Amino acid sequence: MPSRIPVEELNDVLTFNTHLGVYERDATATRCINPVNRNKPCEFLWVLEQQTKSTFDEEDWEHDEVNTCQHDALCICSQQITHSFTIKHIPTDQSFLVGSECVRKISKSLYNEIVKPKCVVCAGPILDKRTKLGKKNICSAACNVSILPFGKYKGHELSTIPVSYLEWLYKQDWVSENIKDLITYNVFEKPARKKKYH
């Protein structure tokens, strides 16, 4: 564990990793420096607001697709983390290395965007992979209408798209397995109707 050193300025705790293009906590800056409240969630928000020079609004943040691959890194709040993620402030285009649990304490929706798998239709978070829809990589019943999210028939229901196009699409290597599963389930494998017993 790095030794604790006194820090007073934001520049003393944040460094810019040019390789990853993200701001991260200096390994020796393990002490909170928020002058108002020295707990981890407040430090997290304080660092973000000081660096971006704006009040935290979860609508201004998104998950940044940067592969951090860092083990035992520090979150920007100085908390030790094992699974690091990056979040991006859209207005200033600044990215930060953070821990998922720190984000969960600040914003549930941003946490879901970072951690949860994505819906094949709307790219929103799938909150429960154990459900029937979750197993098909679909987030909700609204997305289960099987709308193609890209290509020539973008926005069309799969049932209205010519089968020949869907067959061609299914054979393409660049089409994700999730979309292929959606095509298979909704077009090629029509769910059998339950028999009525009298």
Protein backbone atom coordinates (compact mmCIF):
# COMPACT_ATOMS: atom_id res chain seq x y z
CA MET A 1 0.00 0.00 0.00
CA PRO A 2 1.46 3.41 -0.96
CA SER A 3 2.33 5.73 1.88
CA ARG A 4 -0.11 8.54 2.59
CA ILE A 5 1.11 11.98 1.61
CA PRO A 6 -0.59 15.32 2.25
CA VAL A 7 -2.35 16.74 -0.78
CA GLU A 8 -4.18 20.02 -1.13
CA GLU A 9 -4.85 20.60 -4.83
CA LEU A 10 -6.75 18.57 -7.42
CA ASN A 11 -3.61 18.42 -9.58
CA ASP A 12 -1.92 16.61 -6.69
CA VAL A 13 -4.37 13.70 -6.79
CA LEU A 14 -5.36 13.40 -10.47
CA THR A 15 -3.01 12.43 -13.26
CA PHE A 16 -3.78 12.08 -16.95
CA ASN A 17 -2.92 8.68 -18.41
CA THR A 18 -1.96 9.53 -22.01
CA HIS A 19 -1.93 5.85 -23.02
CA LEU A 20 -5.57 5.32 -22.01
CA GLY A 21 -6.71 8.93 -22.40
CA VAL A 22 -8.28 9.00 -18.93
CA TYR A 23 -7.85 10.87 -15.66
CA GLU A 24 -6.94 8.56 -12.80
CA ARG A 25 -6.09 8.85 -9.13
CA ASP A 26 -2.40 9.03 -8.30
CA ALA A 27 -1.35 5.85 -6.48
CA THR A 28 0.10 7.85 -3.57
CA ALA A 29 -2.96 10.11 -3.12
CA THR A 30 -4.98 7.84 -0.84
CA ARG A 31 -6.37 10.59 1.39
CA CYS A 32 -9.60 12.50 0.63
CA ILE A 33 -9.00 16.18 -0.12
CA ASN A 34 -12.58 17.43 -0.42
CA PRO A 35 -12.51 20.42 1.94
CA VAL A 36 -16.23 20.13 2.82
CA ASN A 37 -16.83 16.43 3.47
CA ARG A 38 -14.05 13.85 3.58
CA ASN A 39 -15.97 10.66 2.75
CA LYS A 40 -15.56 8.62 -0.43
CA PRO A 41 -18.88 9.43 -2.22
CA CYS A 42 -18.42 13.15 -1.58
CA GLU A 43 -14.80 12.94 -2.74
CA PHE A 44 -15.97 11.17 -5.92
CA LEU A 45 -18.43 13.94 -6.79
CA TRP A 46 -16.08 16.72 -5.71
CA VAL A 47 -13.27 15.48 -7.98
CA LEU A 48 -15.62 15.14 -10.97
CA GLU A 49 -17.18 18.57 -10.43
CA GLN A 50 -13.82 20.29 -9.88
CA GLN A 51 -12.22 18.74 -12.97
CA THR A 52 -15.20 19.28 -15.31
CA LYS A 53 -16.12 22.63 -13.70
CA SER A 54 -19.80 21.70 -13.70
CA THR A 55 -22.36 20.30 -11.26
CA PHE A 56 -22.85 16.54 -11.55
CA ASP A 57 -25.79 15.61 -13.78
CA GLU A 58 -26.08 11.92 -14.68
CA GLU A 59 -27.46 12.87 -18.11
CA ASP A 60 -24.04 14.37 -18.96
CA TRP A 61 -22.20 11.09 -18.37
CA GLU A 62 -21.81 7.86 -20.32
CA HIS A 63 -19.78 4.67 -20.22
CA ASP A 64 -16.56 5.13 -22.17
CA GLU A 65 -15.47 2.11 -24.20
CA VAL A 66 -11.85 2.22 -23.03
CA ASN A 67 -10.29 -1.09 -22.06
CA THR A 68 -8.54 -0.26 -18.81
CA CYS A 69 -7.30 -3.73 -17.80
CA GLN A 70 -5.90 -2.31 -14.58
CA HIS A 71 -5.85 -4.40 -11.44
CA ASP A 72 -5.85 -2.93 -7.94
CA ALA A 73 -6.15 0.63 -9.25
CA LEU A 74 -7.54 3.56 -7.29
CA CYS A 75 -10.90 5.10 -8.10
CA ILE A 76 -10.88 8.89 -8.40
CA CYS A 77 -12.28 8.95 -4.84
CA SER A 78 -9.10 7.13 -3.64
CA GLN A 79 -10.98 3.86 -2.95
CA GLN A 80 -9.09 0.68 -3.91
CA ILE A 81 -10.89 -1.05 -6.82
CA THR A 82 -10.49 -4.44 -8.48
CA HIS A 83 -12.78 -3.92 -11.50
CA SER A 84 -12.10 -0.59 -13.15
CA PHE A 85 -14.37 1.20 -15.62
CA THR A 86 -14.21 4.50 -17.40
CA ILE A 87 -16.92 7.13 -17.52
CA LYS A 88 -16.95 10.06 -19.92
CA HIS A 89 -18.25 13.58 -19.32
CA ILE A 90 -19.95 14.33 -22.65
CA PRO A 91 -19.81 18.18 -22.59
CA THR A 92 -16.05 18.34 -21.87
CA ASP A 93 -15.04 15.01 -23.46
CA GLN A 94 -13.06 14.04 -20.32
CA SER A 95 -12.85 10.42 -19.20
CA PHE A 96 -12.18 9.13 -15.67
CA LEU A 97 -11.06 5.78 -14.26
CA VAL A 98 -13.59 4.72 -11.62
CA GLY A 99 -14.86 1.73 -9.67
CA SER A 100 -18.36 0.41 -10.33
CA GLU A 101 -19.37 0.46 -6.66
CA CYS A 102 -18.43 4.14 -6.38
CA VAL A 103 -20.63 4.93 -9.38
CA ARG A 104 -23.53 2.90 -7.90
CA LYS A 105 -23.57 5.14 -4.82
CA ILE A 106 -23.85 8.26 -6.99
CA SER A 107 -26.08 7.24 -9.93
CA LYS A 108 -28.02 3.99 -10.34
CA SER A 109 -28.70 4.61 -14.06
CA LEU A 110 -25.03 5.29 -14.85
CA TYR A 111 -24.09 2.19 -12.84
CA ASN A 112 -26.51 0.08 -14.91
CA GLU A 113 -25.10 1.52 -18.14
CA ILE A 114 -21.56 0.63 -17.08
CA VAL A 115 -22.06 -2.80 -15.55
CA LYS A 116 -25.14 -4.38 -17.11
CA PRO A 117 -25.10 -6.08 -20.55
CA LYS A 118 -26.69 -4.15 -23.42
CA CYS A 119 -30.05 -4.79 -25.12
CA VAL A 120 -29.68 -5.87 -28.78
CA VAL A 121 -32.52 -3.58 -29.82
CA CYS A 122 -32.08 -0.30 -27.92
CA ALA A 123 -28.58 -0.75 -26.37
CA GLY A 124 -30.06 0.04 -22.93
CA PRO A 125 -29.01 -1.97 -19.86
CA ILE A 126 -30.50 -5.43 -19.25
CA LEU A 127 -31.24 -5.36 -15.54
CA ASP A 128 -31.85 -9.09 -15.07
CA LYS A 129 -30.30 -11.76 -17.33
CA ARG A 130 -32.31 -14.47 -15.55
CA THR A 131 -35.63 -13.45 -17.12
CA LYS A 132 -36.92 -14.89 -20.41
CA LEU A 133 -36.25 -11.59 -22.19
CA GLY A 134 -32.88 -11.13 -20.48
CA LYS A 135 -31.73 -14.51 -21.76
CA LYS A 136 -32.52 -13.26 -25.28
CA ASN A 137 -30.47 -10.09 -24.57
CA ILE A 138 -33.57 -7.89 -24.61
CA CYS A 139 -34.19 -5.34 -21.86
CA SER A 140 -38.00 -5.06 -21.83
CA ALA A 141 -41.26 -6.11 -23.45
CA ALA A 142 -41.23 -2.86 -25.43
CA CYS A 143 -38.01 -3.98 -27.16
CA ASN A 144 -39.34 -7.49 -27.71
CA VAL A 145 -41.30 -6.36 -30.76
CA SER A 146 -38.16 -7.45 -32.62
CA ILE A 147 -37.15 -4.29 -34.43
CA LEU A 148 -33.97 -4.49 -36.52
CA PRO A 149 -31.55 -1.89 -35.07
CA PHE A 150 -29.44 -1.35 -38.23
CA GLY A 151 -29.13 -1.84 -41.99
CA LYS A 152 -31.50 -1.52 -44.93
CA TYR A 153 -34.56 -2.27 -42.79
CA LYS A 154 -33.50 -0.35 -39.68
CA GLY A 155 -36.53 0.32 -37.46
CA HIS A 156 -38.70 -2.36 -39.13
CA GLU A 157 -40.20 -5.29 -37.22
CA LEU A 158 -38.53 -8.58 -38.12
CA SER A 159 -41.91 -10.06 -39.09
CA THR A 160 -42.28 -7.41 -41.83
CA ILE A 161 -38.79 -7.90 -43.33
CA PRO A 162 -38.44 -10.33 -46.29
CA VAL A 163 -37.23 -13.72 -45.11
CA SER A 164 -34.61 -13.78 -47.87
CA TYR A 165 -32.97 -10.66 -46.40
CA LEU A 166 -33.04 -12.12 -42.88
CA GLU A 167 -31.48 -15.36 -44.15
CA TRP A 168 -28.73 -13.37 -45.85
CA LEU A 169 -28.22 -11.27 -42.72
CA TYR A 170 -28.01 -14.39 -40.56
CA LYS A 171 -25.12 -15.75 -42.67
CA GLN A 172 -22.98 -12.60 -42.31
CA ASP A 173 -19.94 -12.87 -40.02
CA TRP A 174 -20.22 -9.26 -38.82
CA VAL A 175 -23.72 -9.75 -37.40
CA SER A 176 -23.58 -10.31 -33.64
CA GLU A 177 -24.75 -13.54 -32.06
CA ASN A 178 -27.39 -11.57 -30.16
CA ILE A 179 -29.02 -10.35 -33.39
CA LYS A 180 -28.82 -13.86 -34.85
CA ASP A 181 -30.57 -15.20 -31.75
CA LEU A 182 -33.26 -12.54 -32.15
CA ILE A 183 -33.78 -13.50 -35.82
CA THR A 184 -33.83 -17.20 -34.95
CA TYR A 185 -36.31 -16.82 -32.12
CA ASN A 186 -38.71 -14.40 -33.79
CA VAL A 187 -38.59 -15.54 -37.41
CA PHE A 188 -37.26 -19.05 -37.92
CA GLU A 189 -38.55 -20.59 -34.68
CA LYS A 190 -42.12 -19.44 -34.34
CA PRO A 191 -43.08 -20.22 -30.73
CA ALA A 192 -45.51 -23.14 -30.71
CA ARG A 193 -48.98 -22.38 -29.45
CA LYS A 194 -50.08 -24.22 -26.36
CA LYS A 195 -52.73 -26.84 -26.94
CA LYS A 196 -56.04 -26.27 -25.24
CA TYR A 197 -57.30 -29.18 -23.24
CA HIS A 198 -60.98 -29.59 -22.55
